[in-house]
Amino acid sequence: MLEASLSQLEQLVSDLVQQNQALVSTNQTLSAELAQAKDENESLQLSLMEQEEKQGATVARIQALVERVSAGPVNA
């Protein structure tokens, strides 16, 4: 009886060690993926800021052109 309980306990400990190793591996993978996602997010945010700056400059140029057209005919 004691031998059977000891054997079961050894098997449970072995299973827990394997599960722990799998969880550690999964955690490392997820940590690496999270770091990559953070880097990608930062890159996308910088790209968005650049696009917003370009869009703002384009809007300003278009508004200036519209104002010139609205000012009246140009004498040639």
N, C-alpha and C. Protein backbone atom coordinates (compact mmCIF):
# COMPACT_ATOMS: atom_id res chain seq x y z
N MET A 1 0.83 -1.19 0.00
CA MET A 1 0.00 0.00 0.00
C MET A 1 0.87 1.26 0.00
N LEU A 2 1.84 1.31 0.91
CA LEU A 2 2.73 2.46 1.00
C LEU A 2 3.56 2.60 -0.27
N GLU A 3 3.99 1.46 -0.81
CA GLU A 3 4.77 1.46 -2.05
C GLU A 3 3.95 2.02 -3.20
N ALA A 4 2.65 1.65 -3.27
CA ALA A 4 1.77 2.15 -4.33
C ALA A 4 1.56 3.64 -4.19
N SER A 5 1.38 4.12 -2.97
CA SER A 5 1.20 5.56 -2.73
C SER A 5 2.45 6.33 -3.10
N LEU A 6 3.60 5.78 -2.75
CA LEU A 6 4.88 6.42 -3.09
C LEU A 6 5.06 6.47 -4.60
N SER A 7 4.70 5.42 -5.27
CA SER A 7 4.81 5.36 -6.73
C SER A 7 3.88 6.40 -7.37
N GLN A 8 2.66 6.51 -6.85
CA GLN A 8 1.72 7.51 -7.36
C GLN A 8 2.25 8.92 -7.13
N LEU A 9 2.81 9.13 -5.95
CA LEU A 9 3.37 10.45 -5.62
C LEU A 9 4.53 10.79 -6.55
N GLU A 10 5.39 9.83 -6.83
CA GLU A 10 6.49 10.06 -7.75
C GLU A 10 5.97 10.42 -9.14
N GLN A 11 4.92 9.72 -9.58
CA GLN A 11 4.34 10.00 -10.90
C GLN A 11 3.73 11.40 -10.93
N LEU A 12 3.04 11.78 -9.86
CA LEU A 12 2.44 13.12 -9.80
C LEU A 12 3.50 14.21 -9.82
N VAL A 13 4.58 14.00 -9.08
CA VAL A 13 5.68 14.97 -9.07
C VAL A 13 6.30 15.07 -10.45
N SER A 14 6.50 13.93 -11.09
CA SER A 14 7.06 13.92 -12.45
C SER A 14 6.14 14.68 -13.41
N ASP A 15 4.83 14.44 -13.30
CA ASP A 15 3.88 15.15 -14.16
C ASP A 15 3.92 16.65 -13.91
N LEU A 16 4.01 17.03 -12.64
CA LEU A 16 4.06 18.47 -12.30
C LEU A 16 5.34 19.12 -12.83
N VAL A 17 6.45 18.41 -12.76
CA VAL A 17 7.71 18.94 -13.29
C VAL A 17 7.60 19.15 -14.80
N GLN A 18 7.00 18.19 -15.50
CA GLN A 18 6.82 18.32 -16.95
C GLN A 18 5.89 19.49 -17.28
N GLN A 19 4.81 19.61 -16.51
CA GLN A 19 3.88 20.72 -16.75
C GLN A 19 4.58 22.05 -16.50
N ASN A 20 5.40 22.10 -15.46
CA ASN A 20 6.12 23.33 -15.15
C ASN A 20 7.07 23.68 -16.29
N GLN A 21 7.78 22.69 -16.82
CA GLN A 21 8.70 22.94 -17.93
C GLN A 21 7.95 23.45 -19.16
N ALA A 22 6.78 22.86 -19.41
CA ALA A 22 5.97 23.31 -20.55
C ALA A 22 5.49 24.74 -20.33
N LEU A 23 5.08 25.06 -19.11
CA LEU A 23 4.61 26.41 -18.82
C LEU A 23 5.74 27.43 -18.91
N VAL A 24 6.93 27.06 -18.45
CA VAL A 24 8.08 27.95 -18.56
C VAL A 24 8.38 28.22 -20.03
N SER A 25 8.35 27.19 -20.84
CA SER A 25 8.60 27.35 -22.28
C SER A 25 7.54 28.24 -22.92
N THR A 26 6.28 28.00 -22.58
CA THR A 26 5.19 28.81 -23.12
C THR A 26 5.34 30.26 -22.68
N ASN A 27 5.71 30.46 -21.42
CA ASN A 27 5.90 31.81 -20.89
C ASN A 27 7.01 32.54 -21.64
N GLN A 28 8.10 31.85 -21.92
CA GLN A 28 9.21 32.46 -22.66
C GLN A 28 8.77 32.84 -24.07
N THR A 29 8.01 31.96 -24.70
CA THR A 29 7.51 32.24 -26.05
C THR A 29 6.59 33.45 -26.04
N LEU A 30 5.68 33.47 -25.07
CA LEU A 30 4.73 34.59 -24.99
C LEU A 30 5.44 35.90 -24.67
N SER A 31 6.46 35.84 -23.84
CA SER A 31 7.24 37.04 -23.51
C SER A 31 7.92 37.59 -24.76
N ALA A 32 8.49 36.70 -25.56
CA ALA A 32 9.15 37.13 -26.80
C ALA A 32 8.13 37.72 -27.77
N GLU A 33 6.96 37.09 -27.88
CA GLU A 33 5.92 37.60 -28.77
C GLU A 33 5.41 38.95 -28.29
N LEU A 34 5.29 39.11 -26.97
CA LEU A 34 4.84 40.39 -26.42
C LEU A 34 5.85 41.49 -26.73
N ALA A 35 7.12 41.19 -26.56
CA ALA A 35 8.16 42.18 -26.86
C ALA A 35 8.11 42.57 -28.33
N GLN A 36 7.91 41.59 -29.20
CA GLN A 36 7.82 41.87 -30.63
C GLN A 36 6.58 42.72 -30.94
N ALA A 37 5.47 42.41 -30.30
CA ALA A 37 4.23 43.17 -30.52
C ALA A 37 4.39 44.61 -30.02
N LYS A 38 5.09 44.78 -28.90
CA LYS A 38 5.33 46.14 -28.38
C LYS A 38 6.18 46.93 -29.36
N ASP A 39 7.22 46.31 -29.90
CA ASP A 39 8.08 46.98 -30.88
C ASP A 39 7.29 47.36 -32.12
N GLU A 40 6.46 46.44 -32.59
CA GLU A 40 5.65 46.70 -33.77
C GLU A 40 4.65 47.83 -33.50
N ASN A 41 4.06 47.82 -32.32
CA ASN A 41 3.11 48.86 -31.94
C ASN A 41 3.79 50.23 -31.92
N GLU A 42 4.97 50.28 -31.35
CA GLU A 42 5.72 51.55 -31.30
C GLU A 42 6.04 52.04 -32.70
N SER A 43 6.45 51.12 -33.55
CA SER A 43 6.76 51.47 -34.94
C SER A 43 5.52 52.00 -35.66
N LEU A 44 4.39 51.33 -35.44
CA LEU A 44 3.15 51.78 -36.08
C LEU A 44 2.70 53.14 -35.56
N GLN A 45 2.91 53.38 -34.27
CA GLN A 45 2.54 54.68 -33.71
C GLN A 45 3.40 55.79 -34.31
N LEU A 46 4.69 55.53 -34.47
CA LEU A 46 5.58 56.53 -35.08
C LEU A 46 5.18 56.78 -36.53
N SER A 47 4.85 55.72 -37.24
CA SER A 47 4.42 55.85 -38.62
C SER A 47 3.13 56.67 -38.70
N LEU A 48 2.21 56.40 -37.79
CA LEU A 48 0.95 57.16 -37.76
C LEU A 48 1.21 58.63 -37.50
N MET A 49 2.10 58.93 -36.58
CA MET A 49 2.42 60.33 -36.29
C MET A 49 3.00 61.01 -37.53
N GLU A 50 3.88 60.31 -38.25
CA GLU A 50 4.46 60.87 -39.46
C GLU A 50 3.38 61.12 -40.51
N GLN A 51 2.46 60.18 -40.66
CA GLN A 51 1.38 60.33 -41.63
C GLN A 51 0.47 61.50 -41.25
N GLU A 52 0.21 61.66 -39.94
CA GLU A 52 -0.62 62.78 -39.49
C GLU A 52 0.05 64.11 -39.78
N GLU A 53 1.38 64.17 -39.60
CA GLU A 53 2.11 65.39 -39.91
C GLU A 53 2.02 65.71 -41.40
N LYS A 54 2.21 64.69 -42.24
CA LYS A 54 2.12 64.90 -43.69
C LYS A 54 0.71 65.33 -44.08
N GLN A 55 -0.28 64.70 -43.47
CA GLN A 55 -1.67 65.04 -43.78
C GLN A 55 -1.95 66.48 -43.37
N GLY A 56 -1.45 66.90 -42.22
CA GLY A 56 -1.64 68.28 -41.76
C GLY A 56 -1.02 69.27 -42.73
N ALA A 57 0.17 68.96 -43.22
CA ALA A 57 0.84 69.84 -44.17
C ALA A 57 0.06 69.89 -45.48
N THR A 58 -0.46 68.76 -45.92
CA THR A 58 -1.24 68.72 -47.15
C THR A 58 -2.52 69.53 -47.01
N VAL A 59 -3.20 69.38 -45.87
CA VAL A 59 -4.42 70.15 -45.62
C VAL A 59 -4.12 71.64 -45.65
N ALA A 60 -3.03 72.05 -45.04
CA ALA A 60 -2.66 73.47 -45.03
C ALA A 60 -2.41 73.98 -46.45
N ARG A 61 -1.73 73.18 -47.27
CA ARG A 61 -1.47 73.59 -48.66
C ARG A 61 -2.77 73.70 -49.45
N ILE A 62 -3.67 72.73 -49.25
CA ILE A 62 -4.96 72.77 -49.96
C ILE A 62 -5.77 73.98 -49.53
N GLN A 63 -5.78 74.26 -48.23
CA GLN A 63 -6.51 75.43 -47.74
C GLN A 63 -5.95 76.72 -48.33
N ALA A 64 -4.64 76.80 -48.42
CA ALA A 64 -4.01 77.99 -49.01
C ALA A 64 -4.40 78.12 -50.47
N LEU A 65 -4.44 77.01 -51.21
CA LEU A 65 -4.85 77.07 -52.61
C LEU A 65 -6.31 77.48 -52.74
N VAL A 66 -7.17 76.96 -51.89
CA VAL A 66 -8.59 77.32 -51.92
C VAL A 66 -8.76 78.80 -51.62
N GLU A 67 -8.00 79.30 -50.67
CA GLU A 67 -8.07 80.73 -50.34
C GLU A 67 -7.62 81.58 -51.52
N ARG A 68 -6.59 81.14 -52.22
CA ARG A 68 -6.11 81.89 -53.39
C ARG A 68 -7.19 81.91 -54.48
N VAL A 69 -7.84 80.76 -54.68
CA VAL A 69 -8.88 80.68 -55.70
C VAL A 69 -10.09 81.53 -55.28
N SER A 70 -10.41 81.52 -54.01
CA SER A 70 -11.57 82.27 -53.52
C SER A 70 -11.32 83.77 -53.51
N ALA A 71 -10.06 84.18 -53.54
CA ALA A 71 -9.72 85.60 -53.48
C ALA A 71 -10.13 86.34 -54.76
N GLY A 72 -10.34 85.64 -55.79
CA GLY A 72 -10.78 86.27 -57.03
C GLY A 72 -9.88 85.94 -58.18
N PRO A 73 -10.26 86.41 -59.34
CA PRO A 73 -9.48 86.10 -60.55
C PRO A 73 -8.12 86.76 -60.52
N VAL A 74 -7.20 86.12 -61.16
CA VAL A 74 -5.85 86.65 -61.26
C VAL A 74 -5.76 87.44 -62.55
N ASN A 75 -5.24 88.66 -62.46
CA ASN A 75 -5.08 89.48 -63.66
C ASN A 75 -3.80 89.07 -64.38
N ALA A 76 -3.96 88.74 -65.64
CA ALA A 76 -2.80 88.32 -66.40
C ALA A 76 -2.34 89.40 -67.32
